[in-house]
PDB file of N, CA and C in Angstrom:
ATOM      1  N   MET A   1       0.921  -1.215   0.024  1.00  0.00           N
ATOM      2  CA  MET A   1       0.054   0.019   0.013  1.00  0.00           C
ATOM      3  C   MET A   1       0.913   1.229   0.085  1.00  0.00           C
ATOM      4  N   ASN A   2       0.667   2.180  -0.895  1.00  0.00           N
ATOM      5  CA  ASN A   2       1.490   3.509  -0.997  1.00  0.00           C
ATOM      6  C   ASN A   2       0.987   4.426   0.009  1.00  0.00           C
ATOM      7  N   ASN A   3       1.662   5.435   0.192  1.00  0.00           N
ATOM      8  CA  ASN A   3       1.438   6.573   1.302  1.00  0.00           C
ATOM      9  C   ASN A   3      -0.034   7.194   0.951  1.00  0.00           C
ATOM     10  N   ASP A   4      -0.292   7.366  -0.386  1.00  0.00           N
ATOM     11  CA  ASP A   4      -1.608   8.093  -0.774  1.00  0.00           C
ATOM     12  C   ASP A   4      -2.685   7.116  -0.158  1.00  0.00           C
ATOM     13  N   GLN A   5      -2.594   5.972  -0.541  1.00  0.00           N
ATOM     14  CA  GLN A   5      -3.705   4.988  -0.030  1.00  0.00           C
ATOM     15  C   GLN A   5      -3.805   5.001   1.427  1.00  0.00           C
ATOM     16  N   ILE A   6      -2.792   5.090   2.236  1.00  0.00           N
ATOM     17  CA  ILE A   6      -2.770   5.192   3.655  1.00  0.00           C
ATOM     18  C   ILE A   6      -3.487   6.435   4.042  1.00  0.00           C
ATOM     19  N   SER A   7      -3.156   7.553   3.476  1.00  0.00           N
ATOM     20  CA  SER A   7      -3.638   8.924   3.783  1.00  0.00           C
ATOM     21  C   SER A   7      -5.017   9.050   3.450  1.00  0.00           C
ATOM     22  N   LEU A   8      -5.489   8.422   2.334  1.00  0.00           N
ATOM     23  CA  LEU A   8      -6.949   8.440   1.954  1.00  0.00           C
ATOM     24  C   LEU A   8      -7.774   7.837   2.967  1.00  0.00           C
ATOM     25  N   SER A   9      -7.307   6.921   3.781  1.00  0.00           N
ATOM     26  CA  SER A   9      -8.176   6.339   4.839  1.00  0.00           C
ATOM     27  C   SER A   9      -8.440   7.497   5.848  1.00  0.00           C
ATOM     28  N   LYS A  10      -7.565   8.484   5.839  1.00  0.00           N
ATOM     29  CA  LYS A  10      -7.709   9.557   6.860  1.00  0.00           C
ATOM     30  C   LYS A  10      -8.612  10.707   6.251  1.00  0.00           C
ATOM     31  N   GLY A  11      -8.934  10.580   4.977  1.00  0.00           N
ATOM     32  CA  GLY A  11      -9.932  11.512   4.443  1.00  0.00           C
ATOM     33  C   GLY A  11      -9.352  12.353   3.419  1.00  0.00           C
ATOM     34  N   ILE A  12      -7.979  12.546   3.355  1.00  0.00           N
ATOM     35  CA  ILE A  12      -7.267  13.393   2.265  1.00  0.00           C
ATOM     36  C   ILE A  12      -5.988  12.674   1.836  1.00  0.00           C
ATOM     37  N   ALA A  13      -5.634  12.975   0.694  1.00  0.00           N
ATOM     38  CA  ALA A  13      -4.485  12.455   0.019  1.00  0.00           C
ATOM     39  C   ALA A  13      -3.192  13.093   0.575  1.00  0.00           C
ATOM     40  N   SER A  14      -2.239  12.396   0.834  1.00  0.00           N
ATOM     41  CA  SER A  14      -0.903  12.951   1.385  1.00  0.00           C
ATOM     42  C   SER A  14      -0.316  13.806   0.228  1.00  0.00           C
ATOM     43  N   SER A  15       0.184  14.901   0.605  1.00  0.00           N
ATOM     44  CA  SER A  15       0.953  15.843  -0.303  1.00  0.00           C
ATOM     45  C   SER A  15       0.168  16.264  -1.636  1.00  0.00           C
ATOM     46  N   GLN A  16      -1.120  16.347  -1.458  1.00  0.00           N
ATOM     47  CA  GLN A  16      -1.897  16.763  -2.662  1.00  0.00           C
ATOM     48  C   GLN A  16      -2.553  18.051  -2.246  1.00  0.00           C
ATOM     49  N   VAL A  17      -2.761  18.983  -3.273  1.00  0.00           N
ATOM     50  CA  VAL A  17      -3.498  20.145  -3.045  1.00  0.00           C
ATOM     51  C   VAL A  17      -4.986  19.870  -3.370  1.00  0.00           C
ATOM     52  N   ALA A  18      -5.840  20.336  -2.444  1.00  0.00           N
ATOM     53  CA  ALA A  18      -7.254  20.139  -2.664  1.00  0.00           C
ATOM     54  C   ALA A  18      -8.057  21.518  -2.341  1.00  0.00           C
ATOM     55  N   LYS A  19      -9.094  21.668  -3.037  1.00  0.00           N
ATOM     56  CA  LYS A  19     -10.044  22.789  -2.769  1.00  0.00           C
ATOM     57  C   LYS A  19     -10.961  22.379  -1.589  1.00  0.00           C
ATOM     58  N   LEU A  20     -10.918  23.173  -0.510  1.00  0.00           N
ATOM     59  CA  LEU A  20     -11.753  22.630   0.687  1.00  0.00           C
ATOM     60  C   LEU A  20     -13.213  22.379   0.457  1.00  0.00           C
ATOM     61  N   ALA A  21     -13.853  23.365  -0.144  1.00  0.00           N
ATOM     62  CA  ALA A  21     -15.267  23.261  -0.434  1.00  0.00           C
ATOM     63  C   ALA A  21     -15.613  22.128  -1.478  1.00  0.00           C
ATOM     64  N   GLU A  22     -14.677  21.654  -2.091  1.00  0.00           N
ATOM     65  CA  GLU A  22     -14.975  20.545  -3.117  1.00  0.00           C
ATOM     66  C   GLU A  22     -14.769  19.203  -2.375  1.00  0.00           C
ATOM     67  N   LEU A  23     -14.319  19.170  -1.195  1.00  0.00           N
ATOM     68  CA  LEU A  23     -14.063  17.814  -0.473  1.00  0.00           C
ATOM     69  C   LEU A  23     -15.248  17.214   0.008  1.00  0.00           C
ATOM     70  N   ILE A  24     -16.466  18.054  -0.045  1.00  0.00           N
ATOM     71  CA  ILE A  24     -17.628  17.483   0.389  1.00  0.00           C
ATOM     72  C   ILE A  24     -18.851  18.179  -0.313  1.00  0.00           C
ATOM     73  N   SER A  25     -19.900  17.403  -0.587  1.00  0.00           N
ATOM     74  CA  SER A  25     -21.007  17.895  -1.446  1.00  0.00           C
ATOM     75  C   SER A  25     -22.255  18.046  -0.519  1.00  0.00           C
ATOM     76  N   TYR A  26     -23.146  18.907  -1.021  1.00  0.00           N
ATOM     77  CA  TYR A  26     -24.457  19.013  -0.299  1.00  0.00           C
ATOM     78  C   TYR A  26     -25.372  17.843  -0.579  1.00  0.00           C
ATOM     79  N   GLN A  27     -26.192  17.364   0.441  1.00  0.00           N
ATOM     80  CA  GLN A  27     -27.129  16.364   0.226  1.00  0.00           C
ATOM     81  C   GLN A  27     -28.504  17.056   0.579  1.00  0.00           C
ATOM     82  N   THR A  28     -29.493  17.005  -0.226  1.00  0.00           N
ATOM     83  CA  THR A  28     -30.838  17.497   0.067  1.00  0.00           C
ATOM     84  C   THR A  28     -31.307  16.909   1.219  1.00  0.00           C
ATOM     85  N   GLY A  29     -31.805  17.823   2.277  1.00  0.00           N
ATOM     86  CA  GLY A  29     -32.455  17.251   3.504  1.00  0.00           C
ATOM     87  C   GLY A  29     -31.449  16.699   4.528  1.00  0.00           C
ATOM     88  N   ALA A  30     -30.150  16.891   4.366  1.00  0.00           N
ATOM     89  CA  ALA A  30     -29.221  16.353   5.260  1.00  0.00           C
ATOM     90  C   ALA A  30     -28.086  17.107   5.755  1.00  0.00           C
ATOM     91  N   ILE A  31     -27.377  16.637   6.744  1.00  0.00           N
ATOM     92  CA  ILE A  31     -26.058  17.080   7.116  1.00  0.00           C
ATOM     93  C   ILE A  31     -25.032  15.983   6.835  1.00  0.00           C
ATOM     94  N   VAL A  32     -24.012  16.340   6.078  1.00  0.00           N
ATOM     95  CA  VAL A  32     -22.956  15.386   5.520  1.00  0.00           C
ATOM     96  C   VAL A  32     -21.727  15.823   6.351  1.00  0.00           C
ATOM     97  N   SER A  33     -20.959  14.701   6.740  1.00  0.00           N
ATOM     98  CA  SER A  33     -19.613  15.007   7.324  1.00  0.00           C
ATOM     99  C   SER A  33     -18.622  14.083   6.688  1.00  0.00           C
ATOM    100  N   ARG A  34     -17.400  14.623   6.683  1.00  0.00           N
ATOM    101  CA  ARG A  34     -16.178  13.706   6.247  1.00  0.00           C
ATOM    102  C   ARG A  34     -15.132  14.214   7.137  1.00  0.00           C
ATOM    103  N   GLU A  35     -14.522  13.111   7.818  1.00  0.00           N
ATOM    104  CA  GLU A  35     -13.387  13.355   8.617  1.00  0.00           C
ATOM    105  C   GLU A  35     -12.067  13.354   7.846  1.00  0.00           C
ATOM    106  N   LEU A  36     -11.505  14.442   7.817  1.00  0.00           N
ATOM    107  CA  LEU A  36     -10.125  14.619   7.185  1.00  0.00           C
ATOM    108  C   LEU A  36      -9.021  14.028   7.913  1.00  0.00           C
ATOM    109  N   ILE A  37      -8.887  14.317   9.255  1.00  0.00           N
ATOM    110  CA  ILE A  37      -7.809  13.857   9.984  1.00  0.00           C
ATOM    111  C   ILE A  37      -8.352  13.503  11.342  1.00  0.00           C
ATOM    112  N   LYS A  38      -7.876  12.449  11.856  1.00  0.00           N
ATOM    113  CA  LYS A  38      -8.230  11.974  13.150  1.00  0.00           C
ATOM    114  C   LYS A  38      -7.001  11.454  13.852  1.00  0.00           C
ATOM    115  N   GLU A  39      -6.477  12.058  14.839  1.00  0.00           N
ATOM    116  CA  GLU A  39      -5.341  11.753  15.511  1.00  0.00           C
ATOM    117  C   GLU A  39      -5.619  11.820  17.096  1.00  0.00           C
ATOM    118  N   HIS A  40      -4.780  11.360  17.881  1.00  0.00           N
ATOM    119  CA  HIS A  40      -4.845  11.470  19.378  1.00  0.00           C
ATOM    120  C   HIS A  40      -5.010  12.925  19.779  1.00  0.00           C
ATOM    121  N   ALA A  41      -4.215  13.787  19.152  1.00  0.00           N
ATOM    122  CA  ALA A  41      -4.157  15.196  19.548  1.00  0.00           C
ATOM    123  C   ALA A  41      -5.435  15.964  19.005  1.00  0.00           C
ATOM    124  N   GLY A  42      -6.248  15.597  18.076  1.00  0.00           N
ATOM    125  CA  GLY A  42      -7.285  16.131  17.650  1.00  0.00           C
ATOM    126  C   GLY A  42      -7.818  15.647  16.322  1.00  0.00           C
ATOM    127  N   SER A  43      -8.856  16.408  15.810  1.00  0.00           N
ATOM    128  CA  SER A  43      -9.430  15.939  14.554  1.00  0.00           C
ATOM    129  C   SER A  43      -9.841  17.220  13.672  1.00  0.00           C
ATOM    130  N   ILE A  44      -9.912  17.062  12.300  1.00  0.00           N
ATOM    131  CA  ILE A  44     -10.393  17.947  11.436  1.00  0.00           C
ATOM    132  C   ILE A  44     -11.484  17.270  10.573  1.00  0.00           C
ATOM    133  N   THR A  45     -12.592  17.871  10.707  1.00  0.00           N
ATOM    134  CA  THR A  45     -13.809  17.354   9.940  1.00  0.00           C
ATOM    135  C   THR A  45     -14.537  18.419   9.230  1.00  0.00           C
ATOM    136  N   ILE A  46     -14.892  18.051   7.893  1.00  0.00           N
ATOM    137  CA  ILE A  46     -15.521  19.049   7.106  1.00  0.00           C
ATOM    138  C   ILE A  46     -17.066  18.535   7.197  1.00  0.00           C
ATOM    139  N   PHE A  47     -18.024  19.625   7.078  1.00  0.00           N
ATOM    140  CA  PHE A  47     -19.408  19.425   7.126  1.00  0.00           C
ATOM    141  C   PHE A  47     -20.080  20.144   6.089  1.00  0.00           C
ATOM    142  N   SER A  48     -21.188  19.628   5.530  1.00  0.00           N
ATOM    143  CA  SER A  48     -22.098  20.446   4.726  1.00  0.00           C
ATOM    144  C   SER A  48     -23.560  20.230   5.279  1.00  0.00           C
ATOM    145  N   PHE A  49     -24.183  21.353   5.477  1.00  0.00           N
ATOM    146  CA  PHE A  49     -25.618  21.321   6.069  1.00  0.00           C
ATOM    147  C   PHE A  49     -26.558  21.911   4.988  1.00  0.00           C
ATOM    148  N   ASP A  50     -27.513  21.188   4.652  1.00  0.00           N
ATOM    149  CA  ASP A  50     -28.638  21.751   3.794  1.00  0.00           C
ATOM    150  C   ASP A  50     -29.395  22.768   4.633  1.00  0.00           C
ATOM    151  N   GLU A  51     -30.063  23.724   3.864  1.00  0.00           N
ATOM    152  CA  GLU A  51     -30.771  24.795   4.485  1.00  0.00           C
ATOM    153  C   GLU A  51     -31.855  24.223   5.539  1.00  0.00           C
ATOM    154  N   GLY A  52     -31.889  24.936   6.646  1.00  0.00           N
ATOM    155  CA  GLY A  52     -32.882  24.569   7.601  1.00  0.00           C
ATOM    156  C   GLY A  52     -32.446  23.451   8.713  1.00  0.00           C
ATOM    157  N   HIS A  53     -31.380  22.771   8.310  1.00  0.00           N
ATOM    158  CA  HIS A  53     -30.870  21.713   9.326  1.00  0.00           C
ATOM    159  C   HIS A  53     -30.001  22.232  10.280  1.00  0.00           C
ATOM    160  N   SER A  54     -29.927  21.493  11.282  1.00  0.00           N
ATOM    161  CA  SER A  54     -29.119  21.959  12.477  1.00  0.00           C
ATOM    162  C   SER A  54     -28.619  20.841  13.414  1.00  0.00           C
ATOM    163  N   LEU A  55     -27.641  21.279  14.194  1.00  0.00           N
ATOM    164  CA  LEU A  55     -27.056  20.283  15.148  1.00  0.00           C
ATOM    165  C   LEU A  55     -27.665  20.833  16.591  1.00  0.00           C
ATOM    166  N   SER A  56     -28.370  19.988  17.194  1.00  0.00           N
ATOM    167  CA  SER A  56     -28.942  20.396  18.546  1.00  0.00           C
ATOM    168  C   SER A  56     -27.933  20.749  19.545  1.00  0.00           C
ATOM    169  N   GLU A  57     -28.336  21.502  20.498  1.00  0.00           N
ATOM    170  CA  GLU A  57     -27.409  22.211  21.564  1.00  0.00           C
ATOM    171  C   GLU A  57     -26.794  20.976  22.276  1.00  0.00           C
ATOM    172  N   HIS A  58     -25.447  21.141  22.429  1.00  0.00           N
ATOM    173  CA  HIS A  58     -24.632  20.040  22.976  1.00  0.00           C
ATOM    174  C   HIS A  58     -23.280  20.630  23.600  1.00  0.00           C
ATOM    175  N   LYS A  59     -22.511  19.922  24.356  1.00  0.00           N
ATOM    176  CA  LYS A  59     -21.223  20.416  24.752  1.00  0.00           C
ATOM    177  C   LYS A  59     -20.115  19.390  24.258  1.00  0.00           C
ATOM    178  N   THR A  60     -19.042  19.864  24.167  1.00  0.00           N
ATOM    179  CA  THR A  60     -17.860  19.114  23.827  1.00  0.00           C
ATOM    180  C   THR A  60     -16.750  19.293  24.939  1.00  0.00           C
ATOM    181  N   PRO A  61     -15.953  18.262  25.123  1.00  0.00           N
ATOM    182  CA  PRO A  61     -14.942  18.413  26.165  1.00  0.00           C
ATOM    183  C   PRO A  61     -13.692  19.308  25.812  1.00  0.00           C
ATOM    184  N   PHE A  62     -13.601  19.592  24.626  1.00  0.00           N
ATOM    185  CA  PHE A  62     -12.467  20.489  24.169  1.00  0.00           C
ATOM    186  C   PHE A  62     -12.965  21.681  23.223  1.00  0.00           C
ATOM    187  N   ASP A  63     -12.205  22.799  23.331  1.00  0.00           N
ATOM    188  CA  ASP A  63     -12.501  23.802  22.196  1.00  0.00           C
ATOM    189  C   ASP A  63     -12.557  23.353  20.936  1.00  0.00           C
ATOM    190  N   ALA A  64     -13.398  23.967  20.167  1.00  0.00           N
ATOM    191  CA  ALA A  64     -13.534  23.463  18.651  1.00  0.00           C
ATOM    192  C   ALA A  64     -13.626  24.846  17.830  1.00  0.00           C
ATOM    193  N   LEU A  65     -12.850  24.884  16.775  1.00  0.00           N
ATOM    194  CA  LEU A  65     -12.823  26.077  15.915  1.00  0.00           C
ATOM    195  C   LEU A  65     -13.665  25.676  14.677  1.00  0.00           C
ATOM    196  N   VAL A  66     -14.678  26.549  14.395  1.00  0.00           N
ATOM    197  CA  VAL A  66     -15.500  26.388  13.226  1.00  0.00           C
ATOM    198  C   VAL A  66     -15.108  27.472  12.239  1.00  0.00           C
ATOM    199  N   GLN A  67     -14.704  27.093  10.964  1.00  0.00           N
ATOM    200  CA  GLN A  67     -14.428  28.004   9.990  1.00  0.00           C
ATOM    201  C   GLN A  67     -15.374  27.746   8.770  1.00  0.00           C
ATOM    202  N   VAL A  68     -16.160  28.747   8.450  1.00  0.00           N
ATOM    203  CA  VAL A  68     -17.279  28.714   7.369  1.00  0.00           C
ATOM    204  C   VAL A  68     -16.527  28.824   6.037  1.00  0.00           C
ATOM    205  N   LEU A  69     -16.668  27.738   5.211  1.00  0.00           N
ATOM    206  CA  LEU A  69     -16.161  27.935   3.932  1.00  0.00           C
ATOM    207  C   LEU A  69     -17.139  28.620   2.883  1.00  0.00           C
ATOM    208  N   GLU A  70     -18.384  28.316   3.040  1.00  0.00           N
ATOM    209  CA  GLU A  70     -19.484  28.969   2.110  1.00  0.00           C
ATOM    210  C   GLU A  70     -20.642  28.942   2.920  1.00  0.00           C
ATOM    211  N   GLY A  71     -21.583  29.884   2.518  1.00  0.00           N
ATOM    212  CA  GLY A  71     -22.957  29.822   3.117  1.00  0.00           C
ATOM    213  C   GLY A  71     -22.918  30.678   4.307  1.00  0.00           C
ATOM    214  N   LYS A  72     -24.049  30.453   5.226  1.00  0.00           N
ATOM    215  CA  LYS A  72     -24.284  31.300   6.494  1.00  0.00           C
ATOM    216  C   LYS A  72     -24.820  30.363   7.380  1.00  0.00           C
ATOM    217  N   THR A  73     -24.363  30.416   8.581  1.00  0.00           N
ATOM    218  CA  THR A  73     -24.850  29.665   9.823  1.00  0.00           C
ATOM    219  C   THR A  73     -25.233  30.569  10.991  1.00  0.00           C
ATOM    220  N   GLU A  74     -26.063  30.091  11.785  1.00  0.00           N
ATOM    221  CA  GLU A  74     -26.402  30.696  13.092  1.00  0.00           C
ATOM    222  C   GLU A  74     -25.839  29.765  14.264  1.00  0.00           C
ATOM    223  N   VAL A  75     -24.834  30.383  15.027  1.00  0.00           N
ATOM    224  CA  VAL A  75     -24.243  29.595  15.938  1.00  0.00           C
ATOM    225  C   VAL A  75     -24.759  30.117  17.323  1.00  0.00           C
ATOM    226  N   SER A  76     -25.251  29.260  18.220  1.00  0.00           N
ATOM    227  CA  SER A  76     -25.686  29.723  19.549  1.00  0.00           C
ATOM    228  C   SER A  76     -24.698  29.083  20.475  1.00  0.00           C
ATOM    229  N   ILE A  77     -24.143  30.050  21.292  1.00  0.00           N
ATOM    230  CA  ILE A  77     -23.178  29.548  22.403  1.00  0.00           C
ATOM    231  C   ILE A  77     -23.791  30.134  23.772  1.00  0.00           C
ATOM    232  N   GLU A  78     -24.181  29.227  24.711  1.00  0.00           N
ATOM    233  CA  GLU A  78     -24.688  29.544  25.853  1.00  0.00           C
ATOM    234  C   GLU A  78     -25.986  30.470  25.654  1.00  0.00           C
ATOM    235  N   GLY A  79     -26.759  30.339  24.597  1.00  0.00           N
ATOM    236  CA  GLY A  79     -27.839  31.057  24.380  1.00  0.00           C
ATOM    237  C   GLY A  79     -27.738  32.341  23.566  1.00  0.00           C
ATOM    238  N   LYS A  80     -26.476  32.825  23.359  1.00  0.00           N
ATOM    239  CA  LYS A  80     -26.150  33.920  22.538  1.00  0.00           C
ATOM    240  C   LYS A  80     -25.974  33.589  21.173  1.00  0.00           C
ATOM    241  N   LEU A  81     -26.660  34.238  20.129  1.00  0.00           N
ATOM    242  CA  LEU A  81     -26.702  34.020  18.817  1.00  0.00           C
ATOM    243  C   LEU A  81     -25.607  34.703  18.003  1.00  0.00           C
ATOM    244  N   HIS A  82     -24.912  34.020  17.235  1.00  0.00           N
ATOM    245  CA  HIS A  82     -23.900  34.654  16.289  1.00  0.00           C
ATOM    246  C   HIS A  82     -24.174  34.349  14.815  1.00  0.00           C
ATOM    247  N   HIS A  83     -24.052  35.095  13.898  1.00  0.00           N
ATOM    248  CA  HIS A  83     -24.258  34.876  12.561  1.00  0.00           C
ATOM    249  C   HIS A  83     -22.822  34.712  11.880  1.00  0.00           C
ATOM    250  N   VAL A  84     -22.494  33.537  11.343  1.00  0.00           N
ATOM    251  CA  VAL A  84     -21.142  33.468  10.899  1.00  0.00           C
ATOM    252  C   VAL A  84     -21.348  33.043   9.331  1.00  0.00           C
ATOM    253  N   GLU A  85     -20.396  33.705   8.424  1.00  0.00           N
ATOM    254  CA  GLU A  85     -20.620  33.271   7.157  1.00  0.00           C
ATOM    255  C   GLU A  85     -19.202  33.142   6.471  1.00  0.00           C
ATOM    256  N   SER A  86     -19.187  32.922   5.123  1.00  0.00           N
ATOM    257  CA  SER A  86     -18.007  32.536   4.395  1.00  0.00           C
ATOM    258  C   SER A  86     -16.894  33.427   4.840  1.00  0.00           C
ATOM    259  N   ASP A  87     -15.794  32.722   5.074  1.00  0.00           N
ATOM    260  CA  ASP A  87     -14.396  33.330   5.454  1.00  0.00           C
ATOM    261  C   ASP A  87     -14.356  33.878   6.845  1.00  0.00           C
ATOM    262  N   GLU A  88     -15.333  33.402   7.615  1.00  0.00           N
ATOM    263  CA  GLU A  88     -15.266  33.714   9.110  1.00  0.00           C
ATOM    264  C   GLU A  88     -15.247  32.504   9.920  1.00  0.00           C
ATOM    265  N   ILE A  89     -14.656  32.812  11.085  1.00  0.00           N
ATOM    266  CA  ILE A  89     -14.462  31.722  12.147  1.00  0.00           C
ATOM    267  C   ILE A  89     -15.129  32.124  13.473  1.00  0.00           C
ATOM    268  N   ILE A  90     -15.375  30.996  14.346  1.00  0.00           N
ATOM    269  CA  ILE A  90     -15.794  31.116  15.684  1.00  0.00           C
ATOM    270  C   ILE A  90     -15.331  30.121  16.514  1.00  0.00           C
ATOM    271  N   LEU A  91     -14.986  30.340  17.697  1.00  0.00           N
ATOM    272  CA  LEU A  91     -14.348  29.431  18.577  1.00  0.00           C
ATOM    273  C   LEU A  91     -15.643  28.855  19.503  1.00  0.00           C
ATOM    274  N   LEU A  92     -15.812  27.660  19.505  1.00  0.00           N
ATOM    275  CA  LEU A  92     -16.804  26.993  20.522  1.00  0.00           C
ATOM    276  C   LEU A  92     -16.070  26.587  21.782  1.00  0.00           C
ATOM    277  N   PRO A  93     -16.247  27.227  22.901  1.00  0.00           N
ATOM    278  CA  PRO A  93     -15.554  26.838  23.988  1.00  0.00           C
ATOM    279  C   PRO A  93     -15.993  25.452  24.699  1.00  0.00           C
ATOM    280  N   ALA A  94     -14.932  24.791  25.162  1.00  0.00           N
ATOM    281  CA  ALA A  94     -15.208  23.626  25.717  1.00  0.00           C
ATOM    282  C   ALA A  94     -16.191  23.699  27.021  1.00  0.00           C
ATOM    283  N   GLN A  95     -16.958  22.664  27.082  1.00  0.00           N
ATOM    284  CA  GLN A  95     -17.945  22.546  28.166  1.00  0.00           C
ATOM    285  C   GLN A  95     -19.076  23.607  28.247  1.00  0.00           C
ATOM    286  N   LYS A  96     -19.168  24.388  27.157  1.00  0.00           N
ATOM    287  CA  LYS A  96     -20.199  25.396  26.944  1.00  0.00           C
ATOM    288  C   LYS A  96     -21.231  24.848  26.020  1.00  0.00           C
ATOM    289  N   LEU A  97     -22.551  25.035  26.323  1.00  0.00           N
ATOM    290  CA  LEU A  97     -23.603  24.597  25.248  1.00  0.00           C
ATOM    291  C   LEU A  97     -23.501  25.375  23.977  1.00  0.00           C
ATOM    292  N   HIS A  98     -23.686  24.730  22.952  1.00  0.00           N
ATOM    293  CA  HIS A  98     -23.581  25.426  21.594  1.00  0.00           C
ATOM    294  C   HIS A  98     -24.442  24.580  20.579  1.00  0.00           C
ATOM    295  N   ALA A  99     -24.761  25.175  19.583  1.00  0.00           N
ATOM    296  CA  ALA A  99     -25.539  24.601  18.462  1.00  0.00           C
ATOM    297  C   ALA A  99     -25.300  25.367  17.202  1.00  0.00           C
ATOM    298  N   LEU A 100     -25.594  24.644  16.000  1.00  0.00           N
ATOM    299  CA  LEU A 100     -25.533  25.350  14.701  1.00  0.00           C
ATOM    300  C   LEU A 100     -26.707  25.116  13.907  1.00  0.00           C
ATOM    301  N   LYS A 101     -27.147  26.079  13.185  1.00  0.00           N
ATOM    302  CA  LYS A 101     -28.253  26.047  12.315  1.00  0.00           C
ATOM    303  C   LYS A 101     -28.092  26.691  10.955  1.00  0.00           C
ATOM    304  N   ALA A 102     -28.455  26.022   9.856  1.00  0.00           N
ATOM    305  CA  ALA A 102     -28.303  26.504   8.538  1.00  0.00           C
ATOM    306  C   ALA A 102     -29.229  27.514   8.193  1.00  0.00           C
ATOM    307  N   LEU A 103     -28.871  28.771   8.083  1.00  0.00           N
ATOM    308  CA  LEU A 103     -29.799  29.888   7.649  1.00  0.00           C
ATOM    309  C   LEU A 103     -29.935  29.691   6.165  1.00  0.00           C
ATOM    310  N   LYS A 104     -28.873  29.240   5.355  1.00  0.00           N
ATOM    311  CA  LYS A 104     -28.973  28.828   4.115  1.00  0.00           C
ATOM    312  C   LYS A 104     -27.874  27.665   4.031  1.00  0.00           C
ATOM    313  N   ARG A 105     -27.758  26.959   2.910  1.00  0.00           N
ATOM    314  CA  ARG A 105     -26.786  25.812   2.841  1.00  0.00           C
ATOM    315  C   ARG A 105     -25.248  26.455   3.255  1.00  0.00           C
ATOM    316  N   PHE A 106     -24.621  25.582   4.068  1.00  0.00           N
ATOM    317  CA  PHE A 106     -23.333  26.002   4.390  1.00  0.00           C
ATOM    318  C   PHE A 106     -22.359  24.899   4.489  1.00  0.00           C
ATOM    319  N   LYS A 107     -20.972  25.108   4.341  1.00  0.00           N
ATOM    320  CA  LYS A 107     -20.055  24.136   4.565  1.00  0.00           C
ATOM    321  C   LYS A 107     -19.016  24.637   5.617  1.00  0.00           C
ATOM    322  N   ILE A 108     -18.603  23.905   6.541  1.00  0.00           N
ATOM    323  CA  ILE A 108     -17.641  24.304   7.571  1.00  0.00           C
ATOM    324  C   ILE A 108     -16.481  23.263   7.696  1.00  0.00           C
ATOM    325  N   ILE A 109     -15.406  23.767   8.374  1.00  0.00           N
ATOM    326  CA  ILE A 109     -14.311  22.865   8.760  1.00  0.00           C
ATOM    327  C   ILE A 109     -14.422  23.018  10.315  1.00  0.00           C
ATOM    328  N   LEU A 110     -14.406  21.823  10.941  1.00  0.00           N
ATOM    329  CA  LEU A 110     -14.436  21.760  12.468  1.00  0.00           C
ATOM    330  C   LEU A 110     -12.971  21.320  12.811  1.00  0.00           C
ATOM    331  N   THR A 111     -12.274  22.113  13.623  1.00  0.00           N
ATOM    332  CA  THR A 111     -10.989  21.659  14.130  1.00  0.00           C
ATOM    333  C   THR A 111     -11.054  21.582  15.635  1.00  0.00           C
ATOM    334  N   MET A 112     -10.808  20.327  16.151  1.00  0.00           N
ATOM    335  CA  MET A 112     -10.841  20.088  17.564  1.00  0.00           C
ATOM    336  C   MET A 112      -9.586  19.602  18.036  1.00  0.00           C
ATOM    337  N   LEU A 113      -8.944  20.321  19.048  1.00  0.00           N
ATOM    338  CA  LEU A 113      -7.687  20.005  19.483  1.00  0.00           C
ATOM    339  C   LEU A 113      -7.772  19.551  20.966  1.00  0.00           C
ATOM    340  N   ARG A 114      -7.292  18.398  21.363  1.00  0.00           N
ATOM    341  CA  ARG A 114      -7.377  17.976  22.725  1.00  0.00           C
ATOM    342  C   ARG A 114      -6.173  18.386  23.456  1.00  0.00           C
ATOM    343  N   SER A 115      -6.442  18.923  24.655  1.00  0.00           N
ATOM    344  CA  SER A 115      -5.357  19.372  25.539  1.00  0.00           C
ATOM    345  C   SER A 115      -5.642  18.945  26.952  1.00  0.00           C
TER     346      SER A 115
END
């Protein structure tokens, strides 16, 4: 097995240039995710949300950085609403209730580092 095949199991090819928004497609009526990297130290996952779909309020044990690739999302952190759109980021703090809602279709990268 070559290095590219090993890396593909992680979600991306080693040493290859890729357009982030093209790594995942929208699916009508759904949220789609693709794990790009998962290591002991953390993970990077790309998501696409169809309009109107959401992740319900929850907590995570570690901080998570959300980077919006395209579209617009409403992020709730401890009840406070934030509108985040293309080329913007927001930090979801560890152990704080947060949720995401698609105001229109959007794609994000979620980076979680364990510390």
